[in-house]
Amino acid sequence: MELVKKLGKELSLLEQMDLITLDYDIPLQNYPYEEYKNSALYAYFLQTVSEAAKQPDATFDKAGIDLGSMALTDAGEEMVDQIIA
């Protein structure tokens, strides 16, 4: 879970720097997203949300996963080109 949180923060930072786009409304065609839904981490997430939802002041009561894609922006491509050069 900690690795997932860290990666999420890093991806958000890259998006804020305009190096990548994170598009949760544009899933990749033919990508095996089922591997995420069948993972032990996702099962843990579902269980945790279910348990939390029983609390009177629960922040979250429904679990879900956003499926999408990411891509380099023009600035991101330029940075990659600079790194390679």
PDB file of N, CA and C in Angstrom:
ATOM      1  N   MET A   1       0.821  -1.190   0.000  1.00  0.00           N
ATOM      2  CA  MET A   1       0.000   0.000   0.000  1.00  0.00           C
ATOM      3  C   MET A   1       0.874   1.266   0.000  1.00  0.00           C
ATOM      4  N   GLU A   2       1.959   1.239   0.764  1.00  0.00           N
ATOM      5  CA  GLU A   2       2.827   2.419   0.824  1.00  0.00           C
ATOM      6  C   GLU A   2       3.454   2.717  -0.532  1.00  0.00           C
ATOM      7  N   LEU A   3       3.834   1.679  -1.265  1.00  0.00           N
ATOM      8  CA  LEU A   3       4.410   1.878  -2.593  1.00  0.00           C
ATOM      9  C   LEU A   3       3.379   2.500  -3.537  1.00  0.00           C
ATOM     10  N   VAL A   4       2.146   2.057  -3.458  1.00  0.00           N
ATOM     11  CA  VAL A   4       1.082   2.611  -4.300  1.00  0.00           C
ATOM     12  C   VAL A   4       0.862   4.089  -3.972  1.00  0.00           C
ATOM     13  N   LYS A   5       0.843   4.421  -2.687  1.00  0.00           N
ATOM     14  CA  LYS A   5       0.681   5.826  -2.280  1.00  0.00           C
ATOM     15  C   LYS A   5       1.837   6.675  -2.806  1.00  0.00           C
ATOM     16  N   LYS A   6       3.055   6.147  -2.689  1.00  0.00           N
ATOM     17  CA  LYS A   6       4.234   6.887  -3.156  1.00  0.00           C
ATOM     18  C   LYS A   6       4.166   7.111  -4.665  1.00  0.00           C
ATOM     19  N   LEU A   7       3.837   6.075  -5.408  1.00  0.00           N
ATOM     20  CA  LEU A   7       3.736   6.211  -6.860  1.00  0.00           C
ATOM     21  C   LEU A   7       2.643   7.201  -7.248  1.00  0.00           C
ATOM     22  N   GLY A   8       1.523   7.171  -6.543  1.00  0.00           N
ATOM     23  CA  GLY A   8       0.441   8.115  -6.807  1.00  0.00           C
ATOM     24  C   GLY A   8       0.883   9.552  -6.607  1.00  0.00           C
ATOM     25  N   LYS A   9       1.620   9.800  -5.528  1.00  0.00           N
ATOM     26  CA  LYS A   9       2.119  11.150  -5.265  1.00  0.00           C
ATOM     27  C   LYS A   9       3.099  11.585  -6.350  1.00  0.00           C
ATOM     28  N   GLU A  10       3.967  10.661  -6.760  1.00  0.00           N
ATOM     29  CA  GLU A  10       4.952  10.994  -7.796  1.00  0.00           C
ATOM     30  C   GLU A  10       4.278  11.272  -9.139  1.00  0.00           C
ATOM     31  N   LEU A  11       3.275  10.479  -9.482  1.00  0.00           N
ATOM     32  CA  LEU A  11       2.554  10.720 -10.735  1.00  0.00           C
ATOM     33  C   LEU A  11       1.812  12.057 -10.683  1.00  0.00           C
ATOM     34  N   SER A  12       1.212  12.365  -9.549  1.00  0.00           N
ATOM     35  CA  SER A  12       0.520  13.654  -9.401  1.00  0.00           C
ATOM     36  C   SER A  12       1.499  14.810  -9.551  1.00  0.00           C
ATOM     37  N   LEU A  13       2.679  14.650  -8.995  1.00  0.00           N
ATOM     38  CA  LEU A  13       3.696  15.698  -9.114  1.00  0.00           C
ATOM     39  C   LEU A  13       4.119  15.884 -10.574  1.00  0.00           C
ATOM     40  N   LEU A  14       4.331  14.784 -11.293  1.00  0.00           N
ATOM     41  CA  LEU A  14       4.683  14.881 -12.713  1.00  0.00           C
ATOM     42  C   LEU A  14       3.569  15.559 -13.504  1.00  0.00           C
ATOM     43  N   GLU A  15       2.314  15.300 -13.120  1.00  0.00           N
ATOM     44  CA  GLU A  15       1.189  15.957 -13.790  1.00  0.00           C
ATOM     45  C   GLU A  15       1.184  17.456 -13.473  1.00  0.00           C
ATOM     46  N   GLN A  16       1.433  17.817 -12.222  1.00  0.00           N
ATOM     47  CA  GLN A  16       1.478  19.231 -11.836  1.00  0.00           C
ATOM     48  C   GLN A  16       2.607  19.964 -12.560  1.00  0.00           C
ATOM     49  N   MET A  17       3.673  19.244 -12.885  1.00  0.00           N
ATOM     50  CA  MET A  17       4.802  19.827 -13.601  1.00  0.00           C
ATOM     51  C   MET A  17       4.556  19.850 -15.111  1.00  0.00           C
ATOM     52  N   ASP A  18       3.374  19.408 -15.529  1.00  0.00           N
ATOM     53  CA  ASP A  18       2.990  19.354 -16.943  1.00  0.00           C
ATOM     54  C   ASP A  18       3.909  18.446 -17.766  1.00  0.00           C
ATOM     55  N   LEU A  19       4.376  17.360 -17.149  1.00  0.00           N
ATOM     56  CA  LEU A  19       5.206  16.397 -17.858  1.00  0.00           C
ATOM     57  C   LEU A  19       4.406  15.194 -18.341  1.00  0.00           C
ATOM     58  N   ILE A  20       3.292  14.911 -17.656  1.00  0.00           N
ATOM     59  CA  ILE A  20       2.403  13.819 -18.070  1.00  0.00           C
ATOM     60  C   ILE A  20       0.954  14.269 -17.917  1.00  0.00           C
ATOM     61  N   THR A  21       0.074  13.546 -18.594  1.00  0.00           N
ATOM     62  CA  THR A  21      -1.361  13.705 -18.360  1.00  0.00           C
ATOM     63  C   THR A  21      -1.870  12.420 -17.731  1.00  0.00           C
ATOM     64  N   LEU A  22      -2.768  12.537 -16.776  1.00  0.00           N
ATOM     65  CA  LEU A  22      -3.435  11.397 -16.159  1.00  0.00           C
ATOM     66  C   LEU A  22      -4.900  11.491 -16.563  1.00  0.00           C
ATOM     67  N   ASP A  23      -5.342  10.546 -17.354  1.00  0.00           N
ATOM     68  CA  ASP A  23      -6.692  10.589 -17.915  1.00  0.00           C
ATOM     69  C   ASP A  23      -7.506   9.401 -17.412  1.00  0.00           C
ATOM     70  N   TYR A  24      -8.281   9.664 -16.349  1.00  0.00           N
ATOM     71  CA  TYR A  24      -9.077   8.587 -15.760  1.00  0.00           C
ATOM     72  C   TYR A  24     -10.336   8.299 -16.557  1.00  0.00           C
ATOM     73  N   ASP A  25     -10.646   9.138 -17.514  1.00  0.00           N
ATOM     74  CA  ASP A  25     -11.830   8.910 -18.349  1.00  0.00           C
ATOM     75  C   ASP A  25     -11.457   8.332 -19.721  1.00  0.00           C
ATOM     76  N   ILE A  26     -10.179   8.007 -19.908  1.00  0.00           N
ATOM     77  CA  ILE A  26      -9.743   7.437 -21.189  1.00  0.00           C
ATOM     78  C   ILE A  26      -8.982   6.132 -20.908  1.00  0.00           C
ATOM     79  N   PRO A  27      -9.689   5.050 -20.641  1.00  0.00           N
ATOM     80  CA  PRO A  27      -8.988   3.782 -20.408  1.00  0.00           C
ATOM     81  C   PRO A  27      -8.348   3.267 -21.699  1.00  0.00           C
ATOM     82  N   LEU A  28      -7.288   2.508 -21.535  1.00  0.00           N
ATOM     83  CA  LEU A  28      -6.609   1.919 -22.682  1.00  0.00           C
ATOM     84  C   LEU A  28      -7.421   0.745 -23.224  1.00  0.00           C
ATOM     85  N   GLN A  29      -7.551   0.673 -24.516  1.00  0.00           N
ATOM     86  CA  GLN A  29      -8.274  -0.437 -25.126  1.00  0.00           C
ATOM     87  C   GLN A  29      -7.431  -1.705 -25.014  1.00  0.00           C
ATOM     88  N   ASN A  30      -8.085  -2.793 -24.703  1.00  0.00           N
ATOM     89  CA  ASN A  30      -7.465  -4.123 -24.615  1.00  0.00           C
ATOM     90  C   ASN A  30      -6.388  -4.233 -23.531  1.00  0.00           C
ATOM     91  N   TYR A  31      -6.388  -3.325 -22.561  1.00  0.00           N
ATOM     92  CA  TYR A  31      -5.434  -3.435 -21.462  1.00  0.00           C
ATOM     93  C   TYR A  31      -6.019  -4.371 -20.409  1.00  0.00           C
ATOM     94  N   PRO A  32      -5.206  -5.245 -19.819  1.00  0.00           N
ATOM     95  CA  PRO A  32      -5.739  -6.220 -18.838  1.00  0.00           C
ATOM     96  C   PRO A  32      -5.984  -5.611 -17.460  1.00  0.00           C
ATOM     97  N   TYR A  33      -6.963  -4.717 -17.367  1.00  0.00           N
ATOM     98  CA  TYR A  33      -7.254  -4.067 -16.089  1.00  0.00           C
ATOM     99  C   TYR A  33      -7.702  -5.056 -15.017  1.00  0.00           C
ATOM    100  N   GLU A  34      -8.143  -6.235 -15.425  1.00  0.00           N
ATOM    101  CA  GLU A  34      -8.589  -7.218 -14.432  1.00  0.00           C
ATOM    102  C   GLU A  34      -7.483  -7.575 -13.449  1.00  0.00           C
ATOM    103  N   GLU A  35      -6.219  -7.441 -13.869  1.00  0.00           N
ATOM    104  CA  GLU A  35      -5.126  -7.766 -12.956  1.00  0.00           C
ATOM    105  C   GLU A  35      -5.151  -6.846 -11.734  1.00  0.00           C
ATOM    106  N   TYR A  36      -5.638  -5.630 -11.899  1.00  0.00           N
ATOM    107  CA  TYR A  36      -5.764  -4.727 -10.748  1.00  0.00           C
ATOM    108  C   TYR A  36      -6.913  -5.167  -9.851  1.00  0.00           C
ATOM    109  N   LYS A  37      -8.047  -5.462 -10.451  1.00  0.00           N
ATOM    110  CA  LYS A  37      -9.231  -5.848  -9.673  1.00  0.00           C
ATOM    111  C   LYS A  37      -9.044  -7.184  -8.967  1.00  0.00           C
ATOM    112  N   ASN A  38      -8.135  -8.004  -9.461  1.00  0.00           N
ATOM    113  CA  ASN A  38      -7.889  -9.312  -8.858  1.00  0.00           C
ATOM    114  C   ASN A  38      -6.684  -9.312  -7.921  1.00  0.00           C
ATOM    115  N   SER A  39      -6.103  -8.160  -7.657  1.00  0.00           N
ATOM    116  CA  SER A  39      -4.897  -8.094  -6.832  1.00  0.00           C
ATOM    117  C   SER A  39      -5.222  -8.156  -5.340  1.00  0.00           C
ATOM    118  N   ALA A  40      -4.241  -8.598  -4.581  1.00  0.00           N
ATOM    119  CA  ALA A  40      -4.383  -8.648  -3.123  1.00  0.00           C
ATOM    120  C   ALA A  40      -4.544  -7.241  -2.551  1.00  0.00           C
ATOM    121  N   LEU A  41      -3.880  -6.267  -3.143  1.00  0.00           N
ATOM    122  CA  LEU A  41      -3.992  -4.895  -2.661  1.00  0.00           C
ATOM    123  C   LEU A  41      -5.404  -4.346  -2.842  1.00  0.00           C
ATOM    124  N   TYR A  42      -6.026  -4.636  -3.972  1.00  0.00           N
ATOM    125  CA  TYR A  42      -7.395  -4.170  -4.199  1.00  0.00           C
ATOM    126  C   TYR A  42      -8.363  -4.856  -3.237  1.00  0.00           C
ATOM    127  N   ALA A  43      -8.146  -6.137  -2.982  1.00  0.00           N
ATOM    128  CA  ALA A  43      -8.987  -6.857  -2.013  1.00  0.00           C
ATOM    129  C   ALA A  43      -8.846  -6.224  -0.622  1.00  0.00           C
ATOM    130  N   TYR A  44      -7.626  -5.853  -0.269  1.00  0.00           N
ATOM    131  CA  TYR A  44      -7.380  -5.177   1.013  1.00  0.00           C
ATOM    132  C   TYR A  44      -8.094  -3.832   1.057  1.00  0.00           C
ATOM    133  N   PHE A  45      -8.030  -3.093  -0.031  1.00  0.00           N
ATOM    134  CA  PHE A  45      -8.708  -1.802  -0.134  1.00  0.00           C
ATOM    135  C   PHE A  45     -10.223  -1.977   0.060  1.00  0.00           C
ATOM    136  N   LEU A  46     -10.813  -2.950  -0.623  1.00  0.00           N
ATOM    137  CA  LEU A  46     -12.251  -3.197  -0.490  1.00  0.00           C
ATOM    138  C   LEU A  46     -12.621  -3.532   0.950  1.00  0.00           C
ATOM    139  N   GLN A  47     -11.829  -4.362   1.581  1.00  0.00           N
ATOM    140  CA  GLN A  47     -12.093  -4.759   2.965  1.00  0.00           C
ATOM    141  C   GLN A  47     -11.984  -3.555   3.905  1.00  0.00           C
ATOM    142  N   THR A  48     -10.964  -2.750   3.706  1.00  0.00           N
ATOM    143  CA  THR A  48     -10.755  -1.579   4.554  1.00  0.00           C
ATOM    144  C   THR A  48     -11.903  -0.586   4.438  1.00  0.00           C
ATOM    145  N   VAL A  49     -12.345  -0.322   3.215  1.00  0.00           N
ATOM    146  CA  VAL A  49     -13.463   0.612   3.015  1.00  0.00           C
ATOM    147  C   VAL A  49     -14.739   0.044   3.624  1.00  0.00           C
ATOM    148  N   SER A  50     -14.945  -1.246   3.457  1.00  0.00           N
ATOM    149  CA  SER A  50     -16.139  -1.888   4.018  1.00  0.00           C
ATOM    150  C   SER A  50     -16.164  -1.753   5.540  1.00  0.00           C
ATOM    151  N   GLU A  51     -15.027  -1.970   6.161  1.00  0.00           N
ATOM    152  CA  GLU A  51     -14.943  -1.837   7.620  1.00  0.00           C
ATOM    153  C   GLU A  51     -15.128  -0.389   8.056  1.00  0.00           C
ATOM    154  N   ALA A  52     -14.521   0.531   7.329  1.00  0.00           N
ATOM    155  CA  ALA A  52     -14.631   1.948   7.681  1.00  0.00           C
ATOM    156  C   ALA A  52     -16.061   2.452   7.522  1.00  0.00           C
ATOM    157  N   ALA A  53     -16.776   1.926   6.534  1.00  0.00           N
ATOM    158  CA  ALA A  53     -18.143   2.379   6.268  1.00  0.00           C
ATOM    159  C   ALA A  53     -19.086   2.089   7.440  1.00  0.00           C
ATOM    160  N   LYS A  54     -18.705   1.168   8.294  1.00  0.00           N
ATOM    161  CA  LYS A  54     -19.529   0.822   9.454  1.00  0.00           C
ATOM    162  C   LYS A  54     -19.415   1.852  10.578  1.00  0.00           C
ATOM    163  N   GLN A  55     -18.422   2.733  10.479  1.00  0.00           N
ATOM    164  CA  GLN A  55     -18.218   3.754  11.500  1.00  0.00           C
ATOM    165  C   GLN A  55     -19.194   4.901  11.262  1.00  0.00           C
ATOM    166  N   PRO A  56     -19.686   5.524  12.318  1.00  0.00           N
ATOM    167  CA  PRO A  56     -20.697   6.585  12.171  1.00  0.00           C
ATOM    168  C   PRO A  56     -20.231   7.800  11.360  1.00  0.00           C
ATOM    169  N   ASP A  57     -18.990   8.164  11.473  1.00  0.00           N
ATOM    170  CA  ASP A  57     -18.483   9.341  10.764  1.00  0.00           C
ATOM    171  C   ASP A  57     -17.560   8.946   9.614  1.00  0.00           C
ATOM    172  N   ALA A  58     -17.909   7.882   8.914  1.00  0.00           N
ATOM    173  CA  ALA A  58     -17.063   7.378   7.839  1.00  0.00           C
ATOM    174  C   ALA A  58     -16.909   8.408   6.731  1.00  0.00           C
ATOM    175  N   THR A  59     -15.679   8.587   6.284  1.00  0.00           N
ATOM    176  CA  THR A  59     -15.405   9.494   5.170  1.00  0.00           C
ATOM    177  C   THR A  59     -15.798   8.831   3.858  1.00  0.00           C
ATOM    178  N   PHE A  60     -15.507   7.556   3.747  1.00  0.00           N
ATOM    179  CA  PHE A  60     -15.809   6.801   2.533  1.00  0.00           C
ATOM    180  C   PHE A  60     -16.656   5.600   2.880  1.00  0.00           C
ATOM    181  N   ASP A  61     -17.623   5.291   2.027  1.00  0.00           N
ATOM    182  CA  ASP A  61     -18.439   4.105   2.267  1.00  0.00           C
ATOM    183  C   ASP A  61     -18.566   3.228   1.025  1.00  0.00           C
ATOM    184  N   LYS A  62     -17.952   3.649  -0.071  1.00  0.00           N
ATOM    185  CA  LYS A  62     -17.977   2.859  -1.301  1.00  0.00           C
ATOM    186  C   LYS A  62     -16.579   2.812  -1.891  1.00  0.00           C
ATOM    187  N   ALA A  63     -16.176   1.620  -2.280  1.00  0.00           N
ATOM    188  CA  ALA A  63     -14.850   1.453  -2.877  1.00  0.00           C
ATOM    189  C   ALA A  63     -14.980   1.349  -4.383  1.00  0.00           C
ATOM    190  N   GLY A  64     -13.988   1.858  -5.064  1.00  0.00           N
ATOM    191  CA  GLY A  64     -13.978   1.768  -6.513  1.00  0.00           C
ATOM    192  C   GLY A  64     -12.580   2.015  -7.027  1.00  0.00           C
ATOM    193  N   ILE A  65     -12.390   1.730  -8.275  1.00  0.00           N
ATOM    194  CA  ILE A  65     -11.089   1.940  -8.888  1.00  0.00           C
ATOM    195  C   ILE A  65     -11.306   2.667 -10.210  1.00  0.00           C
ATOM    196  N   ASP A  66     -10.515   3.711 -10.418  1.00  0.00           N
ATOM    197  CA  ASP A  66     -10.570   4.444 -11.678  1.00  0.00           C
ATOM    198  C   ASP A  66      -9.589   3.818 -12.648  1.00  0.00           C
ATOM    199  N   LEU A  67     -10.056   3.524 -13.824  1.00  0.00           N
ATOM    200  CA  LEU A  67      -9.207   2.945 -14.855  1.00  0.00           C
ATOM    201  C   LEU A  67      -8.977   3.993 -15.917  1.00  0.00           C
ATOM    202  N   GLY A  68      -7.746   4.209 -16.278  1.00  0.00           N
ATOM    203  CA  GLY A  68      -7.456   5.237 -17.251  1.00  0.00           C
ATOM    204  C   GLY A  68      -6.117   5.027 -17.909  1.00  0.00           C
ATOM    205  N   SER A  69      -5.530   6.136 -18.297  1.00  0.00           N
ATOM    206  CA  SER A  69      -4.253   6.078 -19.001  1.00  0.00           C
ATOM    207  C   SER A  69      -3.431   7.301 -18.645  1.00  0.00           C
ATOM    208  N   MET A  70      -2.172   7.247 -19.019  1.00  0.00           N
ATOM    209  CA  MET A  70      -1.298   8.401 -18.850  1.00  0.00           C
ATOM    210  C   MET A  70      -0.446   8.521 -20.099  1.00  0.00           C
ATOM    211  N   ALA A  71      -0.008   9.743 -20.354  1.00  0.00           N
ATOM    212  CA  ALA A  71       0.813   9.994 -21.535  1.00  0.00           C
ATOM    213  C   ALA A  71       1.744  11.151 -21.255  1.00  0.00           C
ATOM    214  N   LEU A  72       2.877  11.154 -21.957  1.00  0.00           N
ATOM    215  CA  LEU A  72       3.796  12.285 -21.872  1.00  0.00           C
ATOM    216  C   LEU A  72       3.187  13.496 -22.563  1.00  0.00           C
ATOM    217  N   THR A  73       3.381  14.648 -21.995  1.00  0.00           N
ATOM    218  CA  THR A  73       3.026  15.904 -22.661  1.00  0.00           C
ATOM    219  C   THR A  73       4.192  16.288 -23.578  1.00  0.00           C
ATOM    220  N   ASP A  74       4.028  17.347 -24.328  1.00  0.00           N
ATOM    221  CA  ASP A  74       5.141  17.831 -25.158  1.00  0.00           C
ATOM    222  C   ASP A  74       6.352  18.158 -24.281  1.00  0.00           C
ATOM    223  N   ALA A  75       6.107  18.800 -23.140  1.00  0.00           N
ATOM    224  CA  ALA A  75       7.193  19.129 -22.217  1.00  0.00           C
ATOM    225  C   ALA A  75       7.848  17.858 -21.673  1.00  0.00           C
ATOM    226  N   GLY A  76       7.042  16.839 -21.411  1.00  0.00           N
ATOM    227  CA  GLY A  76       7.574  15.565 -20.935  1.00  0.00           C
ATOM    228  C   GLY A  76       8.438  14.895 -21.987  1.00  0.00           C
ATOM    229  N   GLU A  77       7.983  14.942 -23.237  1.00  0.00           N
ATOM    230  CA  GLU A  77       8.774  14.363 -24.323  1.00  0.00           C
ATOM    231  C   GLU A  77      10.098  15.098 -24.481  1.00  0.00           C
ATOM    232  N   GLU A  78      10.062  16.427 -24.363  1.00  0.00           N
ATOM    233  CA  GLU A  78      11.292  17.215 -24.462  1.00  0.00           C
ATOM    234  C   GLU A  78      12.271  16.843 -23.344  1.00  0.00           C
ATOM    235  N   MET A  79      11.749  16.650 -22.140  1.00  0.00           N
ATOM    236  CA  MET A  79      12.614  16.279 -21.027  1.00  0.00           C
ATOM    237  C   MET A  79      13.249  14.910 -21.260  1.00  0.00           C
ATOM    238  N   VAL A  80      12.461  13.959 -21.737  1.00  0.00           N
ATOM    239  CA  VAL A  80      12.998  12.629 -22.029  1.00  0.00           C
ATOM    240  C   VAL A  80      14.090  12.731 -23.083  1.00  0.00           C
ATOM    241  N   ASP A  81      13.856  13.523 -24.122  1.00  0.00           N
ATOM    242  CA  ASP A  81      14.860  13.705 -25.174  1.00  0.00           C
ATOM    243  C   ASP A  81      16.147  14.294 -24.589  1.00  0.00           C
ATOM    244  N   GLN A  82      16.019  15.249 -23.664  1.00  0.00           N
ATOM    245  CA  GLN A  82      17.197  15.848 -23.041  1.00  0.00           C
ATOM    246  C   GLN A  82      17.952  14.838 -22.187  1.00  0.00           C
ATOM    247  N   ILE A  83      17.205  13.997 -21.492  1.00  0.00           N
ATOM    248  CA  ILE A  83      17.840  12.989 -20.635  1.00  0.00           C
ATOM    249  C   ILE A  83      18.605  11.983 -21.490  1.00  0.00           C
ATOM    250  N   ILE A  84      17.994  11.568 -22.587  1.00  0.00           N
ATOM    251  CA  ILE A  84      18.629  10.590 -23.472  1.00  0.00           C
ATOM    252  C   ILE A  84      19.880  11.182 -24.134  1.00  0.00           C
ATOM    253  N   ALA A  85      19.805  12.462 -24.488  1.00  0.00           N
ATOM    254  CA  ALA A  85      20.941  13.113 -25.165  1.00  0.00           C
ATOM    255  C   ALA A  85      22.029  13.303 -24.161  1.00  0.00           C
TER     256      ALA A  85
END
